[in-house]
């Protein structure tokens, strides 16, 4: 069974990055989740050949999966996945959505995902990623206030984008 650990330092040299996901905020402080059936997740995905900049990966994936443009992303940390064979990193970032486009099919899956806005305090529950998921969601909520100066009080609970 894989072991997961959350780290707020840079990804160590030599640890491959297999995923870049983003906590994407709207100006009222809520987070956008991608919904596929009953599964909630963050927009993001795997680096494509030649991609090395986490910001570029997150920008591409945000447009492909949830059709939004984002401002400059902020690095939060990485989740180390130790599968007993070869550990790897899953990078987490936060960004503010700058432009919302009409929903469109993801070029990889052909599916058009629902875009749900949720209170940052609900993200850990909806992601169902366990303790490391709560740590990531907390880091994102803190960055929303400290880095992006977004509100943290009086936020609506949920709503579609």
N, C-alpha and C. Protein backbone atom coordinates (compact mmCIF):
# COMPACT_ATOMS: atom_id res chain seq x y z
N UNK A 1 0.84 -1.17 0.00
CA UNK A 1 0.00 0.00 0.00
C UNK A 1 0.89 1.25 0.00
N UNK A 2 0.66 2.18 -0.91
CA UNK A 2 1.50 3.39 -0.96
C UNK A 2 1.41 4.21 0.31
N UNK A 3 2.53 4.87 0.64
CA UNK A 3 2.58 5.78 1.77
C UNK A 3 2.67 7.21 1.22
N UNK A 4 1.89 8.11 1.83
CA UNK A 4 1.85 9.50 1.39
C UNK A 4 2.37 10.40 2.49
N UNK A 5 3.18 11.40 2.11
CA UNK A 5 3.65 12.39 3.08
C UNK A 5 3.66 13.76 2.41
N UNK A 6 3.32 14.79 3.20
CA UNK A 6 3.22 16.15 2.69
C UNK A 6 4.46 16.94 3.09
N UNK A 7 5.02 17.70 2.13
CA UNK A 7 6.24 18.48 2.35
C UNK A 7 6.07 19.87 1.75
N UNK A 8 6.47 20.91 2.48
CA UNK A 8 6.35 22.27 1.97
C UNK A 8 7.65 22.82 1.41
N UNK A 9 8.68 22.01 1.37
CA UNK A 9 9.96 22.41 0.79
C UNK A 9 9.95 22.12 -0.72
N UNK A 10 10.96 22.58 -1.44
CA UNK A 10 11.05 22.25 -2.87
C UNK A 10 11.19 20.74 -3.07
N UNK A 11 10.79 20.27 -4.24
CA UNK A 11 10.94 18.86 -4.59
C UNK A 11 12.44 18.55 -4.66
N UNK A 12 12.90 17.51 -3.95
CA UNK A 12 14.34 17.18 -3.99
C UNK A 12 14.81 16.80 -5.40
N UNK A 13 16.03 17.17 -5.69
CA UNK A 13 16.67 16.80 -6.95
C UNK A 13 16.61 15.28 -7.11
N UNK A 14 16.21 14.83 -8.27
CA UNK A 14 16.15 13.40 -8.55
C UNK A 14 14.82 12.73 -8.24
N UNK A 15 13.93 13.40 -7.51
CA UNK A 15 12.61 12.83 -7.23
C UNK A 15 11.69 13.23 -8.38
N UNK A 16 11.24 12.27 -9.18
CA UNK A 16 10.42 12.63 -10.35
C UNK A 16 9.06 13.20 -9.95
N UNK A 17 8.63 14.20 -10.71
CA UNK A 17 7.31 14.81 -10.52
C UNK A 17 6.37 14.17 -11.53
N UNK A 18 5.36 13.50 -11.02
CA UNK A 18 4.40 12.82 -11.90
C UNK A 18 3.06 13.53 -11.99
N UNK A 19 2.89 14.60 -11.21
CA UNK A 19 1.58 15.24 -11.17
C UNK A 19 1.74 16.67 -10.66
N UNK A 20 0.96 17.59 -11.25
CA UNK A 20 0.88 18.96 -10.75
C UNK A 20 -0.60 19.31 -10.68
N UNK A 21 -1.11 19.55 -9.46
CA UNK A 21 -2.51 19.88 -9.23
C UNK A 21 -2.58 21.26 -8.60
N UNK A 22 -3.71 21.94 -8.84
CA UNK A 22 -3.85 23.28 -8.31
C UNK A 22 -5.13 23.52 -7.53
N UNK A 23 -4.97 24.24 -6.42
CA UNK A 23 -6.11 24.77 -5.67
C UNK A 23 -6.40 26.12 -6.34
N UNK A 24 -7.45 26.19 -7.13
CA UNK A 24 -7.76 27.39 -7.90
C UNK A 24 -8.87 28.15 -7.19
N UNK A 25 -8.60 29.42 -6.88
CA UNK A 25 -9.51 30.25 -6.11
C UNK A 25 -10.21 31.28 -7.00
N UNK A 26 -11.46 31.57 -6.67
CA UNK A 26 -12.15 32.71 -7.27
C UNK A 26 -11.98 33.87 -6.29
N UNK A 27 -12.19 35.11 -6.77
CA UNK A 27 -11.93 36.27 -5.90
C UNK A 27 -12.70 36.31 -4.58
N UNK A 28 -13.83 35.58 -4.48
CA UNK A 28 -14.55 35.60 -3.19
C UNK A 28 -13.95 34.62 -2.18
N UNK A 29 -12.88 33.87 -2.57
CA UNK A 29 -12.19 32.99 -1.65
C UNK A 29 -12.53 31.51 -1.74
N UNK A 30 -13.51 31.16 -2.59
CA UNK A 30 -13.85 29.74 -2.74
C UNK A 30 -12.89 29.05 -3.70
N UNK A 31 -12.85 27.73 -3.60
CA UNK A 31 -11.96 26.88 -4.40
C UNK A 31 -12.76 26.15 -5.46
N UNK A 32 -12.20 26.05 -6.65
CA UNK A 32 -12.83 25.31 -7.73
C UNK A 32 -12.42 23.84 -7.65
N UNK A 33 -13.39 22.94 -7.61
CA UNK A 33 -13.12 21.51 -7.69
C UNK A 33 -13.67 20.99 -9.01
N UNK A 34 -12.96 20.05 -9.58
CA UNK A 34 -13.42 19.36 -10.78
C UNK A 34 -14.25 18.17 -10.32
N UNK A 35 -15.44 18.03 -10.88
CA UNK A 35 -16.33 16.94 -10.48
C UNK A 35 -16.54 16.03 -11.67
N UNK A 36 -16.28 14.74 -11.47
CA UNK A 36 -16.48 13.72 -12.49
C UNK A 36 -17.35 12.64 -11.85
N UNK A 37 -18.64 12.65 -12.18
CA UNK A 37 -19.57 11.74 -11.52
C UNK A 37 -19.69 12.16 -10.07
N UNK A 38 -19.33 11.26 -9.15
CA UNK A 38 -19.38 11.59 -7.73
C UNK A 38 -17.99 11.89 -7.15
N UNK A 39 -16.98 11.91 -8.00
CA UNK A 39 -15.60 12.12 -7.55
C UNK A 39 -15.20 13.59 -7.67
N UNK A 40 -14.69 14.15 -6.57
CA UNK A 40 -14.19 15.52 -6.54
C UNK A 40 -12.66 15.47 -6.57
N UNK A 41 -12.07 16.33 -7.38
CA UNK A 41 -10.62 16.42 -7.41
C UNK A 41 -10.21 17.83 -7.81
N UNK A 42 -8.91 18.08 -7.79
CA UNK A 42 -8.38 19.36 -8.22
C UNK A 42 -8.04 19.30 -9.70
N UNK A 43 -8.10 20.42 -10.39
CA UNK A 43 -7.61 20.44 -11.77
C UNK A 43 -6.10 20.20 -11.76
N UNK A 44 -5.65 19.49 -12.75
CA UNK A 44 -4.22 19.24 -12.87
C UNK A 44 -3.96 17.91 -13.55
N UNK A 45 -2.70 17.58 -13.70
CA UNK A 45 -2.36 16.32 -14.35
C UNK A 45 -0.86 16.13 -14.48
N UNK A 46 -0.53 15.25 -15.39
CA UNK A 46 0.87 14.86 -15.60
C UNK A 46 1.60 15.85 -16.50
N UNK A 47 2.90 16.02 -16.24
CA UNK A 47 3.71 16.81 -17.17
C UNK A 47 3.78 16.09 -18.53
N UNK A 48 3.71 16.88 -19.60
CA UNK A 48 3.87 16.32 -20.93
C UNK A 48 5.35 16.37 -21.30
N UNK A 49 5.78 15.58 -22.28
CA UNK A 49 7.20 15.59 -22.66
C UNK A 49 7.70 17.01 -22.93
N UNK A 50 8.81 17.35 -22.31
CA UNK A 50 9.42 18.66 -22.47
C UNK A 50 8.94 19.69 -21.47
N UNK A 51 7.85 19.43 -20.75
CA UNK A 51 7.37 20.38 -19.74
C UNK A 51 8.14 20.18 -18.43
N UNK A 52 8.67 21.28 -17.91
CA UNK A 52 9.39 21.19 -16.64
C UNK A 52 8.90 22.23 -15.64
N UNK A 53 8.30 23.30 -16.11
CA UNK A 53 7.84 24.37 -15.22
C UNK A 53 6.46 24.01 -14.68
N UNK A 54 6.36 23.92 -13.36
CA UNK A 54 5.09 23.56 -12.73
C UNK A 54 3.98 24.54 -13.12
N UNK A 55 4.31 25.83 -13.20
CA UNK A 55 3.31 26.84 -13.55
C UNK A 55 2.72 26.57 -14.93
N UNK A 56 3.56 26.21 -15.88
CA UNK A 56 3.09 25.94 -17.25
C UNK A 56 2.20 24.71 -17.28
N UNK A 57 2.56 23.70 -16.54
CA UNK A 57 1.76 22.47 -16.49
C UNK A 57 0.38 22.78 -15.91
N UNK A 58 0.36 23.53 -14.80
CA UNK A 58 -0.92 23.85 -14.17
C UNK A 58 -1.77 24.73 -15.08
N UNK A 59 -1.17 25.70 -15.76
CA UNK A 59 -1.94 26.54 -16.68
C UNK A 59 -2.58 25.70 -17.79
N UNK A 60 -1.81 24.81 -18.38
CA UNK A 60 -2.34 23.97 -19.46
C UNK A 60 -3.46 23.08 -18.95
N UNK A 61 -3.22 22.43 -17.83
CA UNK A 61 -4.23 21.50 -17.29
C UNK A 61 -5.49 22.24 -16.85
N UNK A 62 -5.35 23.43 -16.31
CA UNK A 62 -6.51 24.22 -15.89
C UNK A 62 -7.40 24.55 -17.08
N UNK A 63 -6.79 24.89 -18.19
CA UNK A 63 -7.57 25.20 -19.39
C UNK A 63 -8.19 23.93 -19.97
N UNK A 64 -7.42 22.86 -20.04
CA UNK A 64 -7.93 21.61 -20.63
C UNK A 64 -9.08 21.02 -19.82
N UNK A 65 -8.95 20.99 -18.51
CA UNK A 65 -9.91 20.26 -17.68
C UNK A 65 -11.11 21.09 -17.22
N UNK A 66 -10.87 22.36 -16.86
CA UNK A 66 -11.97 23.17 -16.32
C UNK A 66 -12.13 24.50 -17.04
N UNK A 67 -11.43 24.68 -18.15
CA UNK A 67 -11.51 25.86 -19.04
C UNK A 67 -11.45 27.20 -18.29
N UNK A 68 -10.41 27.36 -17.50
CA UNK A 68 -10.17 28.64 -16.82
C UNK A 68 -8.72 29.06 -17.05
N UNK A 69 -8.52 30.38 -17.09
CA UNK A 69 -7.18 30.96 -17.08
C UNK A 69 -6.86 31.31 -15.63
N UNK A 70 -5.59 31.22 -15.28
CA UNK A 70 -5.17 31.53 -13.91
C UNK A 70 -4.06 32.56 -13.90
N UNK A 71 -4.02 33.32 -12.81
CA UNK A 71 -2.90 34.24 -12.58
C UNK A 71 -1.69 33.42 -12.15
N UNK A 72 -0.61 34.11 -11.82
CA UNK A 72 0.65 33.44 -11.45
C UNK A 72 0.44 32.47 -10.28
N UNK A 73 0.72 31.18 -10.50
CA UNK A 73 0.56 30.20 -9.42
C UNK A 73 1.62 30.35 -8.32
N UNK A 74 1.23 29.92 -7.14
CA UNK A 74 2.10 29.93 -5.96
C UNK A 74 2.35 28.48 -5.56
N UNK A 75 3.62 28.12 -5.42
CA UNK A 75 4.00 26.77 -5.01
C UNK A 75 3.65 26.54 -3.55
N UNK A 76 2.95 25.45 -3.26
CA UNK A 76 2.58 25.10 -1.89
C UNK A 76 3.48 24.02 -1.31
N UNK A 77 3.84 23.04 -2.14
CA UNK A 77 4.62 21.91 -1.66
C UNK A 77 4.38 20.71 -2.54
N UNK A 78 4.75 19.55 -2.01
CA UNK A 78 4.54 18.32 -2.77
C UNK A 78 4.16 17.19 -1.83
N UNK A 79 3.43 16.27 -2.40
CA UNK A 79 3.10 15.04 -1.69
C UNK A 79 4.04 13.97 -2.23
N UNK A 80 4.77 13.32 -1.34
CA UNK A 80 5.63 12.22 -1.75
C UNK A 80 4.82 10.94 -1.69
N UNK A 81 4.86 10.19 -2.78
CA UNK A 81 4.18 8.91 -2.83
C UNK A 81 5.25 7.84 -2.88
N UNK A 82 5.28 7.01 -1.84
CA UNK A 82 6.25 5.91 -1.78
C UNK A 82 5.47 4.62 -1.99
N UNK A 83 5.57 4.12 -3.21
CA UNK A 83 4.83 2.91 -3.57
C UNK A 83 5.63 1.63 -3.32
N UNK A 84 6.80 1.77 -2.68
CA UNK A 84 7.64 0.62 -2.40
C UNK A 84 8.54 0.25 -3.56
N UNK A 85 8.38 0.91 -4.69
CA UNK A 85 9.19 0.62 -5.87
C UNK A 85 10.09 1.82 -6.19
N UNK A 86 9.44 2.96 -6.52
CA UNK A 86 10.18 4.16 -6.85
C UNK A 86 9.36 5.37 -6.40
N UNK A 87 9.77 6.04 -5.32
CA UNK A 87 9.01 7.20 -4.85
C UNK A 87 8.93 8.29 -5.91
N UNK A 88 7.85 9.07 -5.84
CA UNK A 88 7.68 10.19 -6.77
C UNK A 88 6.91 11.31 -6.08
N UNK A 89 6.92 12.48 -6.71
CA UNK A 89 6.29 13.67 -6.14
C UNK A 89 5.03 14.04 -6.91
N UNK A 90 4.07 14.57 -6.16
CA UNK A 90 2.86 15.18 -6.71
C UNK A 90 2.84 16.61 -6.21
N UNK A 91 3.13 17.56 -7.10
CA UNK A 91 3.24 18.97 -6.74
C UNK A 91 1.86 19.58 -6.56
N UNK A 92 1.76 20.47 -5.57
CA UNK A 92 0.52 21.21 -5.32
C UNK A 92 0.82 22.70 -5.37
N UNK A 93 -0.06 23.42 -6.07
CA UNK A 93 0.07 24.87 -6.21
C UNK A 93 -1.27 25.52 -5.92
N UNK A 94 -1.25 26.82 -5.78
CA UNK A 94 -2.48 27.60 -5.62
C UNK A 94 -2.43 28.75 -6.61
N UNK A 95 -3.59 29.16 -7.10
CA UNK A 95 -3.67 30.28 -8.03
C UNK A 95 -5.06 30.88 -7.97
N UNK A 96 -5.16 32.10 -8.47
CA UNK A 96 -6.44 32.77 -8.58
C UNK A 96 -6.90 32.69 -10.03
N UNK A 97 -8.16 32.36 -10.22
CA UNK A 97 -8.74 32.28 -11.57
C UNK A 97 -8.91 33.70 -12.10
N UNK A 98 -8.39 33.94 -13.31
CA UNK A 98 -8.47 35.27 -13.90
C UNK A 98 -9.56 35.38 -14.97
N UNK A 99 -9.92 34.26 -15.59
CA UNK A 99 -10.93 34.27 -16.64
C UNK A 99 -11.59 32.90 -16.73
N UNK A 100 -12.91 32.90 -16.80
CA UNK A 100 -13.68 31.67 -16.91
C UNK A 100 -14.23 31.58 -18.33
N UNK A 101 -13.94 30.46 -18.99
CA UNK A 101 -14.44 30.20 -20.33
C UNK A 101 -15.63 29.24 -20.24
N UNK A 102 -16.46 29.15 -21.28
CA UNK A 102 -17.54 28.17 -21.26
C UNK A 102 -16.98 26.75 -21.09
N UNK A 103 -17.72 25.86 -20.42
CA UNK A 103 -17.25 24.48 -20.29
C UNK A 103 -17.01 23.85 -21.67
N UNK A 104 -16.00 23.00 -21.74
CA UNK A 104 -15.65 22.31 -22.98
C UNK A 104 -15.05 20.95 -22.63
N UNK A 105 -15.12 20.00 -23.56
CA UNK A 105 -14.55 18.68 -23.29
C UNK A 105 -13.04 18.73 -23.07
N UNK A 106 -12.56 17.94 -22.13
CA UNK A 106 -11.13 17.76 -21.89
C UNK A 106 -10.56 17.03 -23.10
N UNK A 107 -9.51 17.55 -23.72
CA UNK A 107 -8.95 16.88 -24.90
C UNK A 107 -8.44 15.46 -24.62
N UNK A 108 -8.05 15.18 -23.37
CA UNK A 108 -7.55 13.84 -23.03
C UNK A 108 -8.67 12.82 -22.85
N UNK A 109 -9.73 13.21 -22.15
CA UNK A 109 -10.78 12.25 -21.81
C UNK A 109 -12.04 12.39 -22.66
N UNK A 110 -12.22 13.57 -23.27
CA UNK A 110 -13.44 13.84 -24.01
C UNK A 110 -14.62 14.21 -23.12
N UNK A 111 -14.42 14.21 -21.80
CA UNK A 111 -15.51 14.53 -20.88
C UNK A 111 -15.49 16.02 -20.54
N UNK A 112 -16.67 16.56 -20.32
CA UNK A 112 -16.80 17.92 -19.83
C UNK A 112 -17.12 17.81 -18.34
N UNK A 113 -16.19 18.30 -17.53
CA UNK A 113 -16.33 18.17 -16.09
C UNK A 113 -17.18 19.29 -15.51
N UNK A 114 -17.90 18.97 -14.45
CA UNK A 114 -18.63 19.98 -13.70
C UNK A 114 -17.60 20.76 -12.89
N UNK A 115 -17.83 22.05 -12.73
CA UNK A 115 -16.94 22.92 -11.96
C UNK A 115 -17.72 23.39 -10.74
N UNK A 116 -17.25 22.98 -9.58
CA UNK A 116 -17.94 23.28 -8.34
C UNK A 116 -17.07 24.20 -7.49
N UNK A 117 -17.67 25.30 -7.01
CA UNK A 117 -16.97 26.21 -6.10
C UNK A 117 -17.34 25.83 -4.68
N UNK A 118 -16.33 25.67 -3.83
CA UNK A 118 -16.59 25.26 -2.45
C UNK A 118 -15.80 26.12 -1.46
N UNK A 119 -16.33 26.21 -0.27
CA UNK A 119 -15.65 26.87 0.84
C UNK A 119 -14.33 26.12 1.09
N UNK A 120 -13.22 26.83 1.31
CA UNK A 120 -11.94 26.13 1.55
C UNK A 120 -11.99 25.12 2.69
N UNK A 121 -12.83 25.36 3.68
CA UNK A 121 -12.95 24.43 4.80
C UNK A 121 -13.59 23.11 4.44
N UNK A 122 -14.23 23.01 3.28
CA UNK A 122 -14.88 21.77 2.83
C UNK A 122 -14.02 20.96 1.88
N UNK A 123 -12.93 21.55 1.39
CA UNK A 123 -12.12 20.90 0.36
C UNK A 123 -11.55 19.57 0.83
N UNK A 124 -10.98 19.53 2.02
CA UNK A 124 -10.39 18.28 2.52
C UNK A 124 -11.39 17.15 2.58
N UNK A 125 -12.61 17.45 3.02
CA UNK A 125 -13.66 16.42 3.08
C UNK A 125 -14.02 15.91 1.68
N UNK A 126 -14.20 16.84 0.74
CA UNK A 126 -14.64 16.45 -0.60
C UNK A 126 -13.57 15.71 -1.39
N UNK A 127 -12.30 16.07 -1.18
CA UNK A 127 -11.23 15.37 -1.89
C UNK A 127 -11.04 13.94 -1.38
N UNK A 128 -11.31 13.72 -0.11
CA UNK A 128 -11.14 12.38 0.50
C UNK A 128 -9.73 11.83 0.32
N UNK A 129 -8.74 12.68 0.55
CA UNK A 129 -7.34 12.29 0.42
C UNK A 129 -6.69 12.01 1.77
N UNK A 130 -7.47 11.93 2.81
CA UNK A 130 -6.92 11.62 4.12
C UNK A 130 -6.16 12.78 4.72
N UNK A 131 -5.30 12.45 5.69
CA UNK A 131 -4.58 13.48 6.44
C UNK A 131 -3.76 14.40 5.55
N UNK A 132 -3.05 13.84 4.55
CA UNK A 132 -2.23 14.71 3.69
C UNK A 132 -3.12 15.64 2.87
N UNK A 133 -4.31 15.22 2.52
CA UNK A 133 -5.24 16.08 1.79
C UNK A 133 -5.66 17.28 2.63
N UNK A 134 -5.91 17.03 3.92
CA UNK A 134 -6.27 18.13 4.81
C UNK A 134 -5.10 19.10 4.98
N UNK A 135 -3.88 18.58 5.06
CA UNK A 135 -2.70 19.44 5.18
C UNK A 135 -2.54 20.30 3.93
N UNK A 136 -2.76 19.71 2.76
CA UNK A 136 -2.66 20.46 1.50
C UNK A 136 -3.73 21.54 1.43
N UNK A 137 -4.97 21.18 1.77
CA UNK A 137 -6.07 22.14 1.72
C UNK A 137 -5.83 23.30 2.70
N UNK A 138 -5.27 22.99 3.87
CA UNK A 138 -4.96 24.04 4.83
C UNK A 138 -3.88 24.97 4.29
N UNK A 139 -2.84 24.41 3.68
CA UNK A 139 -1.77 25.23 3.10
C UNK A 139 -2.34 26.13 2.00
N UNK A 140 -3.26 25.61 1.21
CA UNK A 140 -3.87 26.40 0.13
C UNK A 140 -4.72 27.53 0.71
N UNK A 141 -5.52 27.23 1.72
CA UNK A 141 -6.38 28.25 2.33
C UNK A 141 -5.53 29.35 2.96
N UNK A 142 -4.43 28.98 3.59
CA UNK A 142 -3.53 29.97 4.18
C UNK A 142 -2.89 30.85 3.10
N UNK A 143 -2.50 30.24 1.98
CA UNK A 143 -1.92 31.00 0.87
C UNK A 143 -2.95 31.94 0.25
N UNK A 144 -4.20 31.52 0.19
CA UNK A 144 -5.25 32.37 -0.38
C UNK A 144 -5.33 33.70 0.37
N UNK A 145 -5.18 33.64 1.68
CA UNK A 145 -5.27 34.85 2.50
C UNK A 145 -3.93 35.60 2.49
N UNK A 146 -2.84 34.90 2.76
CA UNK A 146 -1.53 35.54 2.93
C UNK A 146 -0.91 36.00 1.60
N UNK A 147 -1.04 35.20 0.56
CA UNK A 147 -0.39 35.52 -0.72
C UNK A 147 -1.31 36.30 -1.65
N UNK A 148 -2.56 35.86 -1.75
CA UNK A 148 -3.50 36.46 -2.70
C UNK A 148 -4.43 37.48 -2.07
N UNK A 149 -4.37 37.65 -0.75
CA UNK A 149 -5.23 38.58 -0.01
C UNK A 149 -6.72 38.34 -0.28
N UNK A 150 -7.13 37.08 -0.36
CA UNK A 150 -8.53 36.74 -0.56
C UNK A 150 -9.23 36.68 0.79
N UNK A 151 -10.55 36.90 0.80
CA UNK A 151 -11.28 36.83 2.07
C UNK A 151 -11.33 35.41 2.60
N UNK A 152 -11.44 35.31 3.92
CA UNK A 152 -11.56 33.99 4.54
C UNK A 152 -12.84 33.86 5.35
N UNK A 153 -13.54 34.96 5.56
CA UNK A 153 -14.77 34.94 6.36
C UNK A 153 -15.97 35.28 5.48
N UNK A 154 -17.12 34.74 5.86
CA UNK A 154 -18.36 35.08 5.18
C UNK A 154 -18.49 34.52 3.78
N UNK A 155 -17.77 33.43 3.49
CA UNK A 155 -17.80 32.85 2.14
C UNK A 155 -19.05 32.00 1.95
N UNK A 156 -19.60 32.00 0.75
CA UNK A 156 -20.70 31.06 0.46
C UNK A 156 -20.17 29.64 0.56
N UNK A 157 -21.05 28.70 0.84
CA UNK A 157 -20.62 27.30 1.00
C UNK A 157 -20.23 26.66 -0.33
N UNK A 158 -21.18 26.56 -1.28
CA UNK A 158 -20.89 25.93 -2.56
C UNK A 158 -21.69 26.60 -3.67
N UNK A 159 -21.32 26.27 -4.90
CA UNK A 159 -22.04 26.74 -6.07
C UNK A 159 -21.30 26.36 -7.32
N UNK A 160 -22.00 26.24 -8.42
CA UNK A 160 -21.35 25.91 -9.69
C UNK A 160 -20.71 27.16 -10.28
N UNK A 161 -19.65 26.95 -11.03
CA UNK A 161 -18.98 28.05 -11.72
C UNK A 161 -19.57 28.18 -13.10
